[in-house]
Amino acid sequence: MLNGFNKVIDFWRQELTDKKPDLILNAGKVLSVLARVQDIPVRILAGSRFRNLYYWAVNEFFENPAFEKAYLAAQPCDELELSAPYDAHVRFRAHFRKEASLWGTAKAVGLHISSHLYWHIRRYDKVKGYYLRENILYLWRRYRAVKAMASSKLPSSADFSDQPFAFFPLATEPETALQMLSPEYLYQLPAIASVARDLPAGAELAVKEHYAAAGRRPADFYGQICDFKNVRLMNMAEFGMKVVGASRAVVTITGSSGFEAAAMGKPVITFGRHNIYNFLPHVMLVTD
């Protein structure tokens, strides 16, 4: 892996030396770092997490200083309201629930088996790199995890109405949106532990699973979360924005719920240092 990274670094370093670009579009991590060293501007098309809109980020962390400048220059407006999750998330949820259903799981298992047999017959090399048993087990784990995490036995935001709670939405791992956007801090369980330790008496921490992470977690992952007496797993089927609205505060690393809470004026505690909303007065960044 180290050898592979060195080759990628050498390749892009040579490309910048030979071509001397004035601007680089949609650069990855390695190219962004090399461009920054040589003072070459980078622009990356990033999802805004609002409707279906995008913006130009200036680095691999999806930052853009123009947001803070525009915010400081803007006039207050009571008519603006964030009323729905962004479009891509809504479509993804619907697609994932269909794929992770019993019928969708059975269909995916059949497709994996058929593909594997076809690769064997054609003697494709990739038949050695894909483990049929592991792929099928993952599909089964995903089905079971979705069924458990979207169970009616798990509480919704309405079940927290009698007591104050903070909301921690889990992120998928491994995932660019976590590991690449927050290299300084990407540890979800320690974040939950530190918040649970410091919550005021009588308050709880509601933790909600991410759809894309279902079936990927270690066997004892949810058990470790439930070991904290003031932490509860909640129903995954509920939209995060609804939970944000019912909570007293949102705790996140880089999640979309942090953006939604910040846009709604809800207090945010974030461990991610590169969120585009970190400059807001009601957003508290944890650095130590």
C-alpha atoms as a PDB file:
ATOM      1  CA  MET A   1       0.000   0.000   0.000  1.00  0.00           C
ATOM      2  CA  LEU A   2       2.855   2.363   0.851  1.00  0.00           C
ATOM      3  CA  ASN A   3       4.462   1.585  -2.499  1.00  0.00           C
ATOM      4  CA  GLY A   4       1.160   2.310  -4.237  1.00  0.00           C
ATOM      5  CA  PHE A   5       0.797   5.700  -2.562  1.00  0.00           C
ATOM      6  CA  ASN A   6       4.373   6.609  -3.440  1.00  0.00           C
ATOM      7  CA  LYS A   7       3.683   5.825  -7.096  1.00  0.00           C
ATOM      8  CA  VAL A   8       0.537   7.996  -7.063  1.00  0.00           C
ATOM      9  CA  ILE A   9       2.423  10.867  -5.423  1.00  0.00           C
ATOM     10  CA  ASP A  10       5.261  10.599  -7.935  1.00  0.00           C
ATOM     11  CA  PHE A  11       2.822  10.510 -10.855  1.00  0.00           C
ATOM     12  CA  TRP A  12       0.935  13.662  -9.842  1.00  0.00           C
ATOM     13  CA  ARG A  13       4.100  15.501  -8.860  1.00  0.00           C
ATOM     14  CA  GLN A  14       5.495  14.850 -12.361  1.00  0.00           C
ATOM     15  CA  GLU A  15       2.191  15.886 -13.978  1.00  0.00           C
ATOM     16  CA  LEU A  16       2.251  19.239 -12.178  1.00  0.00           C
ATOM     17  CA  THR A  17       5.895  19.770 -13.130  1.00  0.00           C
ATOM     18  CA  ASP A  18       5.304  18.961 -16.796  1.00  0.00           C
ATOM     19  CA  LYS A  19       1.941  20.642 -17.410  1.00  0.00           C
ATOM     20  CA  LYS A  20       2.078  23.583 -14.956  1.00  0.00           C
ATOM     21  CA  PRO A  21      -1.738  23.990 -14.626  1.00  0.00           C
ATOM     22  CA  ASP A  22      -3.297  27.270 -13.476  1.00  0.00           C
ATOM     23  CA  LEU A  23      -6.336  25.521 -11.983  1.00  0.00           C
ATOM     24  CA  ILE A  24      -7.209  21.919 -11.057  1.00  0.00           C
ATOM     25  CA  LEU A  25     -10.817  20.683 -11.053  1.00  0.00           C
ATOM     26  CA  ASN A  26     -12.146  17.829  -8.873  1.00  0.00           C
ATOM     27  CA  ALA A  27      -8.775  16.812  -7.460  1.00  0.00           C
ATOM     28  CA  GLY A  28      -8.489  13.845  -5.090  1.00  0.00           C
ATOM     29  CA  LYS A  29      -6.674  13.842  -1.762  1.00  0.00           C
ATOM     30  CA  VAL A  30      -3.110  13.344  -3.036  1.00  0.00           C
ATOM     31  CA  LEU A  31      -3.419  15.837  -5.892  1.00  0.00           C
ATOM     32  CA  SER A  32      -5.054  18.418  -3.598  1.00  0.00           C
ATOM     33  CA  VAL A  33      -2.156  18.218  -1.143  1.00  0.00           C
ATOM     34  CA  LEU A  34       0.487  18.487  -3.884  1.00  0.00           C
ATOM     35  CA  ALA A  35      -1.367  21.398  -5.485  1.00  0.00           C
ATOM     36  CA  ARG A  36      -1.535  23.208  -2.137  1.00  0.00           C
ATOM     37  CA  VAL A  37       2.234  22.818  -1.681  1.00  0.00           C
ATOM     38  CA  GLN A  38       2.774  24.438  -5.087  1.00  0.00           C
ATOM     39  CA  ASP A  39       0.098  27.152  -4.573  1.00  0.00           C
ATOM     40  CA  ILE A  40      -2.045  25.873  -7.441  1.00  0.00           C
ATOM     41  CA  PRO A  41      -5.763  26.601  -6.848  1.00  0.00           C
ATOM     42  CA  VAL A  42      -8.173  23.662  -6.676  1.00  0.00           C
ATOM     43  CA  ARG A  43     -11.946  23.612  -7.146  1.00  0.00           C
ATOM     44  CA  ILE A  44     -14.061  20.565  -6.275  1.00  0.00           C
ATOM     45  CA  LEU A  45     -17.774  20.277  -7.015  1.00  0.00           C
ATOM     46  CA  ALA A  46     -19.376  19.440  -3.647  1.00  0.00           C
ATOM     47  CA  GLY A  47     -22.933  18.659  -2.635  1.00  0.00           C
ATOM     48  CA  SER A  48     -24.438  21.480  -0.575  1.00  0.00           C
ATOM     49  CA  ARG A  49     -26.773  19.165   1.421  1.00  0.00           C
ATOM     50  CA  PHE A  50     -29.579  21.536   0.429  1.00  0.00           C
ATOM     51  CA  ARG A  51     -32.123  20.429  -2.190  1.00  0.00           C
ATOM     52  CA  ASN A  52     -30.125  19.354  -5.263  1.00  0.00           C
ATOM     53  CA  LEU A  53     -27.614  22.217  -5.217  1.00  0.00           C
ATOM     54  CA  TYR A  54     -23.826  22.100  -5.386  1.00  0.00           C
ATOM     55  CA  TYR A  55     -21.004  24.541  -4.707  1.00  0.00           C
ATOM     56  CA  TRP A  56     -17.320  24.892  -5.587  1.00  0.00           C
ATOM     57  CA  ALA A  57     -15.081  23.842  -2.694  1.00  0.00           C
ATOM     58  CA  VAL A  58     -11.489  25.069  -2.546  1.00  0.00           C
ATOM     59  CA  ASN A  59      -9.883  21.909  -1.097  1.00  0.00           C
ATOM     60  CA  GLU A  60     -10.396  18.211  -0.395  1.00  0.00           C
ATOM     61  CA  PHE A  61     -12.165  19.070   2.874  1.00  0.00           C
ATOM     62  CA  PHE A  62     -14.995  20.709   0.873  1.00  0.00           C
ATOM     63  CA  GLU A  63     -14.300  24.078   2.520  1.00  0.00           C
ATOM     64  CA  ASN A  64     -15.046  27.476   1.004  1.00  0.00           C
ATOM     65  CA  PRO A  65     -14.351  30.741   2.880  1.00  0.00           C
ATOM     66  CA  ALA A  66     -17.031  32.500   0.805  1.00  0.00           C
ATOM     67  CA  PHE A  67     -19.737  30.997   3.049  1.00  0.00           C
ATOM     68  CA  GLU A  68     -18.602  32.898   6.122  1.00  0.00           C
ATOM     69  CA  LYS A  69     -18.166  36.136   4.153  1.00  0.00           C
ATOM     70  CA  ALA A  70     -21.658  35.835   2.691  1.00  0.00           C
ATOM     71  CA  TYR A  71     -23.146  35.016   6.099  1.00  0.00           C
ATOM     72  CA  LEU A  72     -21.552  38.063   7.748  1.00  0.00           C
ATOM     73  CA  ALA A  73     -22.798  40.304   4.928  1.00  0.00           C
ATOM     74  CA  ALA A  74     -26.330  38.866   4.763  1.00  0.00           C
ATOM     75  CA  GLN A  75     -29.452  40.495   6.176  1.00  0.00           C
ATOM     76  CA  PRO A  76     -31.680  38.474   8.558  1.00  0.00           C
ATOM     77  CA  CYS A  77     -34.745  36.902   6.954  1.00  0.00           C
ATOM     78  CA  ASP A  78     -37.475  35.151   8.965  1.00  0.00           C
ATOM     79  CA  GLU A  79     -39.080  33.586   5.891  1.00  0.00           C
ATOM     80  CA  LEU A  80     -36.216  31.189   5.148  1.00  0.00           C
ATOM     81  CA  GLU A  81     -36.663  27.687   6.499  1.00  0.00           C
ATOM     82  CA  LEU A  82     -34.950  24.324   6.048  1.00  0.00           C
ATOM     83  CA  SER A  83     -37.982  22.055   5.744  1.00  0.00           C
ATOM     84  CA  ALA A  84     -36.796  18.825   4.088  1.00  0.00           C
ATOM     85  CA  PRO A  85     -33.655  16.660   3.769  1.00  0.00           C
ATOM     86  CA  TYR A  86     -31.581  17.153   0.637  1.00  0.00           C
ATOM     87  CA  ASP A  87     -32.779  15.337  -2.489  1.00  0.00           C
ATOM     88  CA  ALA A  88     -29.983  12.772  -2.838  1.00  0.00           C
ATOM     89  CA  HIS A  89     -30.527  11.536   0.725  1.00  0.00           C
ATOM     90  CA  VAL A  90     -34.268  11.028   0.197  1.00  0.00           C
ATOM     91  CA  ARG A  91     -33.666   9.056  -3.018  1.00  0.00           C
ATOM     92  CA  PHE A  92     -30.891   7.001  -1.404  1.00  0.00           C
ATOM     93  CA  ARG A  93     -33.099   6.019   1.549  1.00  0.00           C
ATOM     94  CA  ALA A  94     -35.888   4.801  -0.705  1.00  0.00           C
ATOM     95  CA  HIS A  95     -33.453   2.856  -2.899  1.00  0.00           C
ATOM     96  CA  PHE A  96     -31.642   1.317   0.080  1.00  0.00           C
ATOM     97  CA  ARG A  97     -34.817   0.194   1.857  1.00  0.00           C
ATOM     98  CA  LYS A  98     -35.874  -1.561  -1.337  1.00  0.00           C
ATOM     99  CA  GLU A  99     -32.477  -3.243  -1.752  1.00  0.00           C
ATOM    100  CA  ALA A 100     -32.283  -4.299   1.899  1.00  0.00           C
ATOM    101  CA  SER A 101     -35.770  -5.831   1.995  1.00  0.00           C
ATOM    102  CA  LEU A 102     -36.189  -9.623   2.101  1.00  0.00           C
ATOM    103  CA  TRP A 103     -37.024  -9.730  -1.612  1.00  0.00           C
ATOM    104  CA  GLY A 104     -34.197  -7.335  -2.475  1.00  0.00           C
ATOM    105  CA  THR A 105     -31.730  -9.400  -0.433  1.00  0.00           C
ATOM    106  CA  ALA A 106     -32.827 -12.658  -2.095  1.00  0.00           C
ATOM    107  CA  LYS A 107     -32.504 -11.025  -5.510  1.00  0.00           C
ATOM    108  CA  ALA A 108     -29.005  -9.732  -4.701  1.00  0.00           C
ATOM    109  CA  VAL A 109     -27.900 -13.174  -3.439  1.00  0.00           C
ATOM    110  CA  GLY A 110     -29.108 -14.777  -6.684  1.00  0.00           C
ATOM    111  CA  LEU A 111     -27.280 -12.160  -8.738  1.00  0.00           C
ATOM    112  CA  HIS A 112     -24.028 -12.724  -6.809  1.00  0.00           C
ATOM    113  CA  ILE A 113     -24.212 -16.476  -7.304  1.00  0.00           C
ATOM    114  CA  SER A 114     -24.978 -16.109 -11.023  1.00  0.00           C
ATOM    115  CA  SER A 115     -22.123 -13.627 -11.509  1.00  0.00           C
ATOM    116  CA  HIS A 116     -19.684 -15.896  -9.684  1.00  0.00           C
ATOM    117  CA  LEU A 117     -20.653 -18.900 -11.811  1.00  0.00           C
ATOM    118  CA  TYR A 118     -20.289 -16.819 -14.961  1.00  0.00           C
ATOM    119  CA  TRP A 119     -16.799 -15.661 -13.899  1.00  0.00           C
ATOM    120  CA  HIS A 120     -15.821 -19.287 -13.259  1.00  0.00           C
ATOM    121  CA  ILE A 121     -17.059 -20.398 -16.678  1.00  0.00           C
ATOM    122  CA  ARG A 122     -15.267 -17.530 -18.448  1.00  0.00           C
ATOM    123  CA  ARG A 123     -12.185 -18.012 -16.207  1.00  0.00           C
ATOM    124  CA  TYR A 124     -12.068 -14.368 -15.179  1.00  0.00           C
ATOM    125  CA  ASP A 125      -9.308 -13.411 -12.736  1.00  0.00           C
ATOM    126  CA  LYS A 126     -11.710 -11.494 -10.499  1.00  0.00           C
ATOM    127  CA  VAL A 127     -13.358 -14.744  -9.407  1.00  0.00           C
ATOM    128  CA  LYS A 128     -10.293 -15.127  -7.138  1.00  0.00           C
ATOM    129  CA  GLY A 129     -10.681 -11.655  -5.642  1.00  0.00           C
ATOM    130  CA  TYR A 130     -14.372 -11.763  -4.723  1.00  0.00           C
ATOM    131  CA  TYR A 131     -15.358 -14.150  -1.936  1.00  0.00           C
ATOM    132  CA  LEU A 132     -18.863 -15.388  -2.681  1.00  0.00           C
ATOM    133  CA  ARG A 133     -19.537 -16.578   0.861  1.00  0.00           C
ATOM    134  CA  GLU A 134     -18.475 -13.256   2.407  1.00  0.00           C
ATOM    135  CA  ASN A 135     -20.592 -11.252  -0.028  1.00  0.00           C
ATOM    136  CA  ILE A 136     -23.671 -13.332   0.711  1.00  0.00           C
ATOM    137  CA  LEU A 137     -23.066 -13.110   4.471  1.00  0.00           C
ATOM    138  CA  TYR A 138     -22.799  -9.328   4.183  1.00  0.00           C
ATOM    139  CA  LEU A 139     -26.164  -9.145   2.387  1.00  0.00           C
ATOM    140  CA  TRP A 140     -27.737 -11.243   5.141  1.00  0.00           C
ATOM    141  CA  ARG A 141     -26.138  -9.091   7.871  1.00  0.00           C
ATOM    142  CA  ARG A 142     -27.433  -5.965   6.135  1.00  0.00           C
ATOM    143  CA  TYR A 143     -30.981  -7.334   6.006  1.00  0.00           C
ATOM    144  CA  ARG A 144     -30.891  -8.292   9.689  1.00  0.00           C
ATOM    145  CA  ALA A 145     -29.334  -4.965  10.735  1.00  0.00           C
ATOM    146  CA  VAL A 146     -31.931  -2.899   8.862  1.00  0.00           C
ATOM    147  CA  LYS A 147     -34.717  -4.978  10.364  1.00  0.00           C
ATOM    148  CA  ALA A 148     -33.286  -4.501  13.879  1.00  0.00           C
ATOM    149  CA  MET A 149     -32.374  -0.809  13.569  1.00  0.00           C
ATOM    150  CA  ALA A 150     -35.726   0.117  11.972  1.00  0.00           C
ATOM    151  CA  SER A 151     -37.738  -1.919  14.472  1.00  0.00           C
ATOM    152  CA  SER A 152     -40.791  -0.332  16.073  1.00  0.00           C
ATOM    153  CA  LYS A 153     -39.308  -1.444  19.414  1.00  0.00           C
ATOM    154  CA  LEU A 154     -36.649   1.252  19.129  1.00  0.00           C
ATOM    155  CA  PRO A 155     -37.699   4.735  20.285  1.00  0.00           C
ATOM    156  CA  SER A 156     -38.474   7.620  17.950  1.00  0.00           C
ATOM    157  CA  SER A 157     -37.937  11.296  18.733  1.00  0.00           C
ATOM    158  CA  ALA A 158     -41.478  11.452  20.164  1.00  0.00           C
ATOM    159  CA  ASP A 159     -40.467   8.946  22.839  1.00  0.00           C
ATOM    160  CA  PHE A 160     -37.918  11.453  24.177  1.00  0.00           C
ATOM    161  CA  SER A 161     -40.546  14.153  24.696  1.00  0.00           C
ATOM    162  CA  ASP A 162     -40.439  13.930  28.497  1.00  0.00           C
ATOM    163  CA  GLN A 163     -36.713  14.600  28.806  1.00  0.00           C
ATOM    164  CA  PRO A 164     -34.005  16.635  27.057  1.00  0.00           C
ATOM    165  CA  PHE A 165     -31.729  14.778  24.667  1.00  0.00           C
ATOM    166  CA  ALA A 166     -28.814  15.378  22.336  1.00  0.00           C
ATOM    167  CA  PHE A 167     -28.699  13.652  18.965  1.00  0.00           C
ATOM    168  CA  PHE A 168     -25.667  11.782  17.588  1.00  0.00           C
ATOM    169  CA  PRO A 169     -26.152  10.460  14.022  1.00  0.00           C
ATOM    170  CA  LEU A 170     -23.720   7.662  13.187  1.00  0.00           C
ATOM    171  CA  ALA A 171     -21.628   7.841  10.015  1.00  0.00           C
ATOM    172  CA  THR A 172     -20.712   5.024   7.652  1.00  0.00           C
ATOM    173  CA  GLU A 173     -17.247   3.491   7.956  1.00  0.00           C
ATOM    174  CA  PRO A 174     -15.055   3.390   5.970  1.00  0.00           C
ATOM    175  CA  GLU A 175     -16.304   6.465   4.138  1.00  0.00           C
ATOM    176  CA  THR A 176     -14.788   9.522   2.482  1.00  0.00           C
ATOM    177  CA  ALA A 177     -17.339  11.715   4.262  1.00  0.00           C
ATOM    178  CA  LEU A 178     -15.782  10.733   7.605  1.00  0.00           C
ATOM    179  CA  GLN A 179     -12.156   9.641   7.228  1.00  0.00           C
ATOM    180  CA  MET A 180     -11.122  12.115   4.519  1.00  0.00           C
ATOM    181  CA  LEU A 181     -13.155  15.107   5.697  1.00  0.00           C
ATOM    182  CA  SER A 182     -12.052  14.744   9.316  1.00  0.00           C
ATOM    183  CA  PRO A 183      -8.531  13.266   9.480  1.00  0.00           C
ATOM    184  CA  GLU A 184      -7.936  14.920  12.871  1.00  0.00           C
ATOM    185  CA  TYR A 185     -10.809  13.044  14.529  1.00  0.00           C
ATOM    186  CA  LEU A 186     -12.768  10.092  13.149  1.00  0.00           C
ATOM    187  CA  TYR A 187     -13.565   7.944  16.174  1.00  0.00           C
ATOM    188  CA  GLN A 188     -17.297   7.608  16.729  1.00  0.00           C
ATOM    189  CA  LEU A 189     -17.376   5.391  19.824  1.00  0.00           C
ATOM    190  CA  PRO A 190     -14.940   7.609  21.815  1.00  0.00           C
ATOM    191  CA  ALA A 191     -17.003  10.650  20.770  1.00  0.00           C
ATOM    192  CA  ILE A 192     -20.157   9.000  22.099  1.00  0.00           C
ATOM    193  CA  ALA A 193     -18.320   8.026  25.291  1.00  0.00           C
ATOM    194  CA  SER A 194     -17.044  11.555  25.936  1.00  0.00           C
ATOM    195  CA  VAL A 195     -20.464  13.131  25.345  1.00  0.00           C
ATOM    196  CA  ALA A 196     -22.242  10.529  27.489  1.00  0.00           C
ATOM    197  CA  ARG A 197     -19.788  11.239  30.301  1.00  0.00           C
ATOM    198  CA  ASP A 198     -20.397  14.993  30.236  1.00  0.00           C
ATOM    199  CA  LEU A 199     -24.166  15.174  29.648  1.00  0.00           C
ATOM    200  CA  PRO A 200     -26.067  16.929  32.419  1.00  0.00           C
ATOM    201  CA  ALA A 201     -28.102  14.793  34.813  1.00  0.00           C
ATOM    202  CA  GLY A 202     -31.453  13.772  33.348  1.00  0.00           C
ATOM    203  CA  ALA A 203     -30.357  14.264  29.732  1.00  0.00           C
ATOM    204  CA  GLU A 204     -29.846  11.440  27.242  1.00  0.00           C
ATOM    205  CA  LEU A 205     -27.927  10.901  24.031  1.00  0.00           C
ATOM    206  CA  ALA A 206     -29.952   9.479  21.135  1.00  0.00           C
ATOM    207  CA  VAL A 207     -27.822   7.584  18.607  1.00  0.00           C
ATOM    208  CA  LYS A 208     -29.208   6.738  15.172  1.00  0.00           C
ATOM    209  CA  GLU A 209     -27.646   4.368  12.649  1.00  0.00           C
ATOM    210  CA  HIS A 210     -26.881   5.377   9.062  1.00  0.00           C
ATOM    211  CA  TYR A 211     -28.623   3.285   6.393  1.00  0.00           C
ATOM    212  CA  ALA A 212     -25.439   2.675   4.396  1.00  0.00           C
ATOM    213  CA  ALA A 213     -23.655   1.347   7.498  1.00  0.00           C
ATOM    214  CA  ALA A 214     -26.178  -1.418   8.191  1.00  0.00           C
ATOM    215  CA  GLY A 215     -24.443  -4.799   8.139  1.00  0.00           C
ATOM    216  CA  ARG A 216     -20.929  -3.341   8.240  1.00  0.00           C
ATOM    217  CA  ARG A 217     -20.499  -2.871  11.981  1.00  0.00           C
ATOM    218  CA  PRO A 218     -18.429  -5.181  14.225  1.00  0.00           C
ATOM    219  CA  ALA A 219     -20.490  -7.682  16.188  1.00  0.00           C
ATOM    220  CA  ASP A 220     -20.210  -5.793  19.513  1.00  0.00           C
ATOM    221  CA  PHE A 221     -20.591  -2.260  18.108  1.00  0.00           C
ATOM    222  CA  TYR A 222     -24.187  -1.592  19.192  1.00  0.00           C
ATOM    223  CA  GLY A 223     -23.612  -3.365  22.493  1.00  0.00           C
ATOM    224  CA  GLN A 224     -20.817  -0.954  23.391  1.00  0.00           C
ATOM    225  CA  ILE A 225     -23.138   1.996  22.705  1.00  0.00           C
ATOM    226  CA  CYS A 226     -25.942   0.543  24.817  1.00  0.00           C
ATOM    227  CA  ASP A 227     -23.544  -0.021  27.736  1.00  0.00           C
ATOM    228  CA  PHE A 228     -23.862   3.683  28.536  1.00  0.00           C
ATOM    229  CA  LYS A 229     -26.930   4.134  30.731  1.00  0.00           C
ATOM    230  CA  ASN A 230     -27.761   7.580  29.346  1.00  0.00           C
ATOM    231  CA  VAL A 231     -27.406   6.563  25.672  1.00  0.00           C
ATOM    232  CA  ARG A 232     -30.194   4.997  23.616  1.00  0.00           C
ATOM    233  CA  LEU A 233     -30.264   3.651  20.071  1.00  0.00           C
ATOM    234  CA  MET A 234     -33.227   5.070  18.194  1.00  0.00           C
ATOM    235  CA  ASN A 235     -35.275   4.004  15.191  1.00  0.00           C
ATOM    236  CA  MET A 236     -33.236   4.337  12.002  1.00  0.00           C
ATOM    237  CA  ALA A 237     -36.343   4.811   9.850  1.00  0.00           C
ATOM    238  CA  GLU A 238     -37.048   8.287  11.226  1.00  0.00           C
ATOM    239  CA  PHE A 239     -35.680  11.164   9.182  1.00  0.00           C
ATOM    240  CA  GLY A 240     -32.688  12.776  10.853  1.00  0.00           C
ATOM    241  CA  MET A 241     -34.090  16.262  10.332  1.00  0.00           C
ATOM    242  CA  LYS A 242     -37.121  15.421  12.473  1.00  0.00           C
ATOM    243  CA  VAL A 243     -34.837  14.203  15.258  1.00  0.00           C
ATOM    244  CA  VAL A 244     -32.732  17.362  14.916  1.00  0.00           C
ATOM    245  CA  GLY A 245     -35.835  19.490  15.430  1.00  0.00           C
ATOM    246  CA  ALA A 246     -36.829  17.608  18.588  1.00  0.00           C
ATOM    247  CA  SER A 247     -33.347  17.559  20.145  1.00  0.00           C
ATOM    248  CA  ARG A 248     -31.691  20.149  22.391  1.00  0.00           C
ATOM    249  CA  ALA A 249     -28.403  19.847  20.499  1.00  0.00           C
ATOM    250  CA  VAL A 250     -26.743  17.792  17.771  1.00  0.00           C
ATOM    251  CA  VAL A 251     -23.357  16.124  18.201  1.00  0.00           C
ATOM    252  CA  THR A 252     -21.508  15.101  15.041  1.00  0.00           C
ATOM    253  CA  ILE A 253     -18.164  14.778  13.315  1.00  0.00           C
ATOM    254  CA  THR A 254     -19.040  15.565   9.698  1.00  0.00           C
ATOM    255  CA  GLY A 255     -22.654  14.383   9.342  1.00  0.00           C
ATOM    256  CA  SER A 256     -25.440  16.099   7.396  1.00  0.00           C
ATOM    257  CA  SER A 257     -27.480  16.434  10.589  1.00  0.00           C
ATOM    258  CA  GLY A 258     -24.856  18.875  11.854  1.00  0.00           C
ATOM    259  CA  PHE A 259     -25.411  21.057   8.801  1.00  0.00           C
ATOM    260  CA  GLU A 260     -29.193  20.820   9.164  1.00  0.00           C
ATOM    261  CA  ALA A 261     -29.017  21.728  12.853  1.00  0.00           C
ATOM    262  CA  ALA A 262     -26.685  24.649  12.145  1.00  0.00           C
ATOM    263  CA  ALA A 263     -29.007  25.946   9.410  1.00  0.00           C
ATOM    264  CA  MET A 264     -32.001  25.622  11.765  1.00  0.00           C
ATOM    265  CA  GLY A 265     -30.256  27.530  14.561  1.00  0.00           C
ATOM    266  CA  LYS A 266     -29.899  24.448  16.762  1.00  0.00           C
ATOM    267  CA  PRO A 267     -26.771  24.170  18.950  1.00  0.00           C
ATOM    268  CA  VAL A 268     -24.147  21.889  17.379  1.00  0.00           C
ATOM    269  CA  ILE A 269     -21.166  20.209  19.022  1.00  0.00           C
ATOM    270  CA  THR A 270     -18.802  19.012  16.313  1.00  0.00           C
ATOM    271  CA  PHE A 271     -15.523  17.086  16.353  1.00  0.00           C
ATOM    272  CA  GLY A 272     -14.869  17.816  12.646  1.00  0.00           C
ATOM    273  CA  ARG A 273     -12.640  20.816  12.007  1.00  0.00           C
ATOM    274  CA  HIS A 274     -13.538  21.431   8.359  1.00  0.00           C
ATOM    275  CA  ASN A 275     -17.346  21.672   8.326  1.00  0.00           C
ATOM    276  CA  ILE A 276     -18.521  24.641   6.275  1.00  0.00           C
ATOM    277  CA  TYR A 277     -20.772  25.785   9.140  1.00  0.00           C
ATOM    278  CA  ASN A 278     -18.160  25.775  11.943  1.00  0.00           C
ATOM    279  CA  PHE A 279     -17.932  29.576  11.950  1.00  0.00           C
ATOM    280  CA  LEU A 280     -21.529  29.991  13.169  1.00  0.00           C
ATOM    281  CA  PRO A 281     -21.888  31.265  16.759  1.00  0.00           C
ATOM    282  CA  HIS A 282     -24.088  28.333  17.880  1.00  0.00           C
ATOM    283  CA  VAL A 283     -21.581  25.708  16.617  1.00  0.00           C
ATOM    284  CA  MET A 284     -19.003  24.540  19.177  1.00  0.00           C
ATOM    285  CA  LEU A 285     -15.885  22.847  17.808  1.00  0.00           C
ATOM    286  CA  VAL A 286     -14.150  20.259  19.990  1.00  0.00           C
ATOM    287  CA  THR A 287     -10.377  20.385  19.434  1.00  0.00           C
ATOM    288  CA  ASP A 288      -9.090  18.828  22.676  1.00  0.00           C
END
